[in-house]
Amino acid sequence: MFPLYTVAKIAEYKAANSGTISSPGTGKTPVTLTAAASTFNVTVPTSIPLVVGADSKVTSPSDVKIINNSAGPVKVTAIAMNDGAWTMTDYNGGDRSKLAAEKVGSNKLGLSLTVGGNTAASSTNGSQSPVIDSTKWRITGKNTGNNELPITVGAIASAVSTKIENAVTAANVVFTVAWDK
């Protein structure tokens, strides 16, 4: 059953375009279209859990991804890496030698997020927005079999003197997502 709005539009069209062909030939029939805006629905990671070992090496998850539940393609247009309980610092290509010289308990975290060979990495101290190539951070729509964007996470951290048993929000990553028009 069509919604009343659709039935009304069809009746309106029929009234405006009723006509007959009175001699052999062709008749032109326009095809009209109305549409509701497509639903935008994207799921970003709820967290990126990092574990810092006694040797200060960071273990990162392997299942971080963005999922596009929308009917059409979307892309990540910007990423922000904001300080939390820790201060963002230079990821330095994953080399933590600079952090090895930092005071123990300085709570510094370097982070990288990689998709399709394009890496967004922290490069300075404090909150920041690394530049990304949004053509690499593109996700097709649902029901395509390819609506997930896996993200490889890399991290380095300064040493701590006291065990952290209850996870703290060391930093926040903010993904800005838009339609891929």
Protein backbone atom coordinates (compact mmCIF):
# COMPACT_ATOMS: atom_id res chain seq x y z
CA MET A 1 0.00 0.00 0.00
CA PHE A 2 1.38 3.42 -0.92
CA PRO A 3 1.49 6.17 1.73
CA LEU A 4 -1.23 8.82 1.34
CA TYR A 5 1.38 11.35 0.28
CA THR A 6 2.43 9.12 -2.67
CA VAL A 7 -1.19 8.44 -3.67
CA ALA A 8 -1.87 12.19 -3.63
CA LYS A 9 1.20 12.90 -5.79
CA ILE A 10 0.15 10.25 -8.34
CA ALA A 11 -3.40 11.69 -8.48
CA GLU A 12 -1.95 15.20 -8.90
CA TYR A 13 0.24 13.99 -11.76
CA LYS A 14 -2.62 12.20 -13.53
CA ALA A 15 -4.77 15.33 -13.35
CA ALA A 16 -2.02 17.53 -14.78
CA ASN A 17 -0.87 15.10 -17.47
CA SER A 18 -3.98 13.41 -18.80
CA GLY A 19 -4.07 13.44 -22.55
CA THR A 20 -4.58 11.24 -25.50
CA ILE A 21 -2.81 10.66 -28.76
CA SER A 22 -5.37 11.50 -31.41
CA SER A 23 -3.40 10.32 -34.41
CA PRO A 24 -0.67 7.72 -34.97
CA GLY A 25 2.58 8.86 -33.42
CA THR A 26 4.25 9.23 -30.12
CA GLY A 27 3.36 10.80 -26.85
CA LYS A 28 5.79 12.24 -24.38
CA THR A 29 5.33 11.17 -20.75
CA PRO A 30 7.50 12.84 -18.14
CA VAL A 31 8.77 10.77 -15.28
CA THR A 32 8.60 12.81 -12.09
CA LEU A 33 10.26 12.03 -8.84
CA THR A 34 10.01 13.11 -5.23
CA ALA A 35 12.25 11.75 -2.52
CA ALA A 36 12.79 11.84 1.20
CA ALA A 37 16.34 12.61 2.31
CA SER A 38 18.31 9.42 2.84
CA THR A 39 19.04 8.48 6.42
CA PHE A 40 22.60 9.22 7.49
CA ASN A 41 23.75 6.53 9.93
CA VAL A 42 27.42 5.91 10.71
CA THR A 43 28.88 4.07 13.70
CA VAL A 44 32.29 5.23 14.96
CA PRO A 45 34.32 3.24 17.49
CA THR A 46 32.97 3.56 21.04
CA SER A 47 36.52 3.39 22.36
CA ILE A 48 40.08 2.61 21.35
CA PRO A 49 41.44 0.57 24.27
CA LEU A 50 45.22 0.78 24.64
CA VAL A 51 47.33 -1.26 27.05
CA VAL A 52 50.74 0.02 28.13
CA GLY A 53 53.06 -2.76 29.24
CA ALA A 54 55.72 -2.61 31.95
CA ASP A 55 58.26 -2.00 29.16
CA SER A 56 56.11 0.99 28.01
CA LYS A 57 55.24 -0.71 24.73
CA VAL A 58 51.64 -0.07 23.75
CA THR A 59 49.31 -2.82 22.57
CA SER A 60 46.47 -1.54 20.42
CA PRO A 61 43.28 -3.28 19.27
CA SER A 62 43.05 -4.86 15.82
CA ASP A 63 39.29 -4.49 15.38
CA VAL A 64 38.80 -0.72 15.26
CA LYS A 65 36.47 0.30 12.43
CA ILE A 66 33.87 2.77 11.25
CA ILE A 67 30.65 1.24 9.91
CA ASN A 68 28.44 2.96 7.35
CA ASN A 69 24.79 2.01 7.88
CA SER A 70 23.62 4.64 5.37
CA ALA A 71 22.20 3.93 1.91
CA GLY A 72 25.02 5.82 0.15
CA PRO A 73 28.77 6.32 0.51
CA VAL A 74 30.25 8.50 3.24
CA LYS A 75 33.74 9.72 4.04
CA VAL A 76 35.69 10.90 7.04
CA THR A 77 36.50 14.54 6.30
CA ALA A 78 38.46 15.38 9.45
CA ILE A 79 39.95 13.83 12.56
CA ALA A 80 40.76 15.58 15.82
CA MET A 81 42.97 14.09 18.51
CA ASN A 82 42.19 15.84 21.76
CA ASP A 83 43.92 15.67 25.11
CA GLY A 84 42.17 13.77 27.85
CA ALA A 85 43.83 12.75 31.12
CA TRP A 86 47.01 12.54 29.02
CA THR A 87 48.58 15.04 26.62
CA MET A 88 48.83 14.20 22.94
CA THR A 89 52.42 14.24 21.67
CA ASP A 90 54.39 13.49 18.50
CA TYR A 91 53.79 9.90 17.36
CA ASN A 92 57.22 10.12 15.74
CA GLY A 93 56.58 7.23 13.34
CA GLY A 94 56.05 4.91 16.32
CA ASP A 95 59.55 5.56 17.67
CA ARG A 96 59.22 6.28 21.38
CA SER A 97 62.85 7.31 21.91
CA LYS A 98 61.78 10.92 22.63
CA LEU A 99 59.30 9.64 25.21
CA ALA A 100 62.02 7.54 26.88
CA ALA A 101 63.62 10.83 27.95
CA GLU A 102 60.35 12.20 29.39
CA LYS A 103 59.79 12.15 33.13
CA VAL A 104 58.00 9.05 34.39
CA GLY A 105 54.34 9.90 34.89
CA SER A 106 54.37 12.78 32.37
CA ASN A 107 51.31 11.16 30.77
CA LYS A 108 52.09 11.73 27.11
CA LEU A 109 50.48 9.74 24.31
CA GLY A 110 51.33 9.63 20.61
CA LEU A 111 48.67 8.18 18.32
CA SER A 112 48.31 7.15 14.68
CA LEU A 113 45.25 5.99 12.76
CA THR A 114 45.81 4.45 9.32
CA VAL A 115 43.33 3.65 6.56
CA GLY A 116 44.23 2.66 3.03
CA GLY A 117 47.81 3.81 3.38
CA ASN A 118 46.77 7.25 4.69
CA THR A 119 47.88 7.94 8.24
CA ALA A 120 46.59 10.56 10.63
CA ALA A 121 49.16 10.89 13.41
CA SER A 122 49.73 13.23 16.30
CA SER A 123 52.74 15.44 15.61
CA THR A 124 52.86 18.07 18.34
CA ASN A 125 52.01 18.45 22.01
CA GLY A 126 48.36 19.09 22.79
CA SER A 127 45.06 18.67 20.97
CA GLN A 128 45.40 18.63 17.20
CA SER A 129 43.74 17.87 13.87
CA PRO A 130 46.08 15.99 11.53
CA VAL A 131 45.38 16.39 7.81
CA ILE A 132 43.85 13.35 6.11
CA ASP A 133 43.16 12.33 2.51
CA SER A 134 39.38 11.86 2.66
CA THR A 135 39.44 9.84 -0.59
CA LYS A 136 41.17 7.09 1.41
CA TRP A 137 38.74 7.42 4.32
CA ARG A 138 35.69 6.54 2.16
CA ILE A 139 33.06 3.91 3.03
CA THR A 140 30.43 2.55 0.64
CA GLY A 141 26.80 2.27 1.71
CA LYS A 142 25.14 -0.62 3.50
CA ASN A 143 24.35 -3.84 1.66
CA THR A 144 27.46 -3.48 -0.53
CA GLY A 145 29.50 -6.01 1.40
CA ASN A 146 32.13 -3.31 1.94
CA ASN A 147 30.55 -0.85 4.35
CA GLU A 148 33.24 -1.10 7.04
CA LEU A 149 36.42 0.96 7.23
CA PRO A 150 39.08 -0.90 9.26
CA ILE A 151 41.51 1.40 11.08
CA THR A 152 45.02 0.36 12.09
CA VAL A 153 45.93 1.98 15.40
CA GLY A 154 49.46 2.74 16.53
CA ALA A 155 50.42 4.35 19.82
CA ILE A 156 53.39 5.27 21.97
CA ALA A 157 53.22 6.34 25.61
CA SER A 158 55.42 7.73 28.31
CA ALA A 159 56.31 5.50 31.26
CA VAL A 160 54.14 5.43 34.39
CA SER A 161 55.24 4.71 37.95
CA THR A 162 51.87 3.56 39.25
CA LYS A 163 49.70 0.84 37.76
CA ILE A 164 46.49 2.12 36.16
CA GLU A 165 43.86 -0.52 36.94
CA ASN A 166 40.72 1.34 35.91
CA ALA A 167 40.94 2.64 32.36
CA VAL A 168 41.21 6.42 32.04
CA THR A 169 40.20 8.50 29.05
CA ALA A 170 43.73 9.38 28.01
CA ALA A 171 42.57 11.18 24.86
CA ASN A 172 39.56 11.58 22.59
CA VAL A 173 39.41 11.06 18.84
CA VAL A 174 36.71 12.99 17.03
CA PHE A 175 35.75 11.75 13.56
CA THR A 176 33.89 14.19 11.26
CA VAL A 177 31.86 12.21 8.72
CA ALA A 178 29.86 13.47 5.72
CA TRP A 179 28.16 12.16 2.60
CA ASP A 180 30.63 11.42 -0.20
CA LYS A 181 29.05 13.69 -2.80
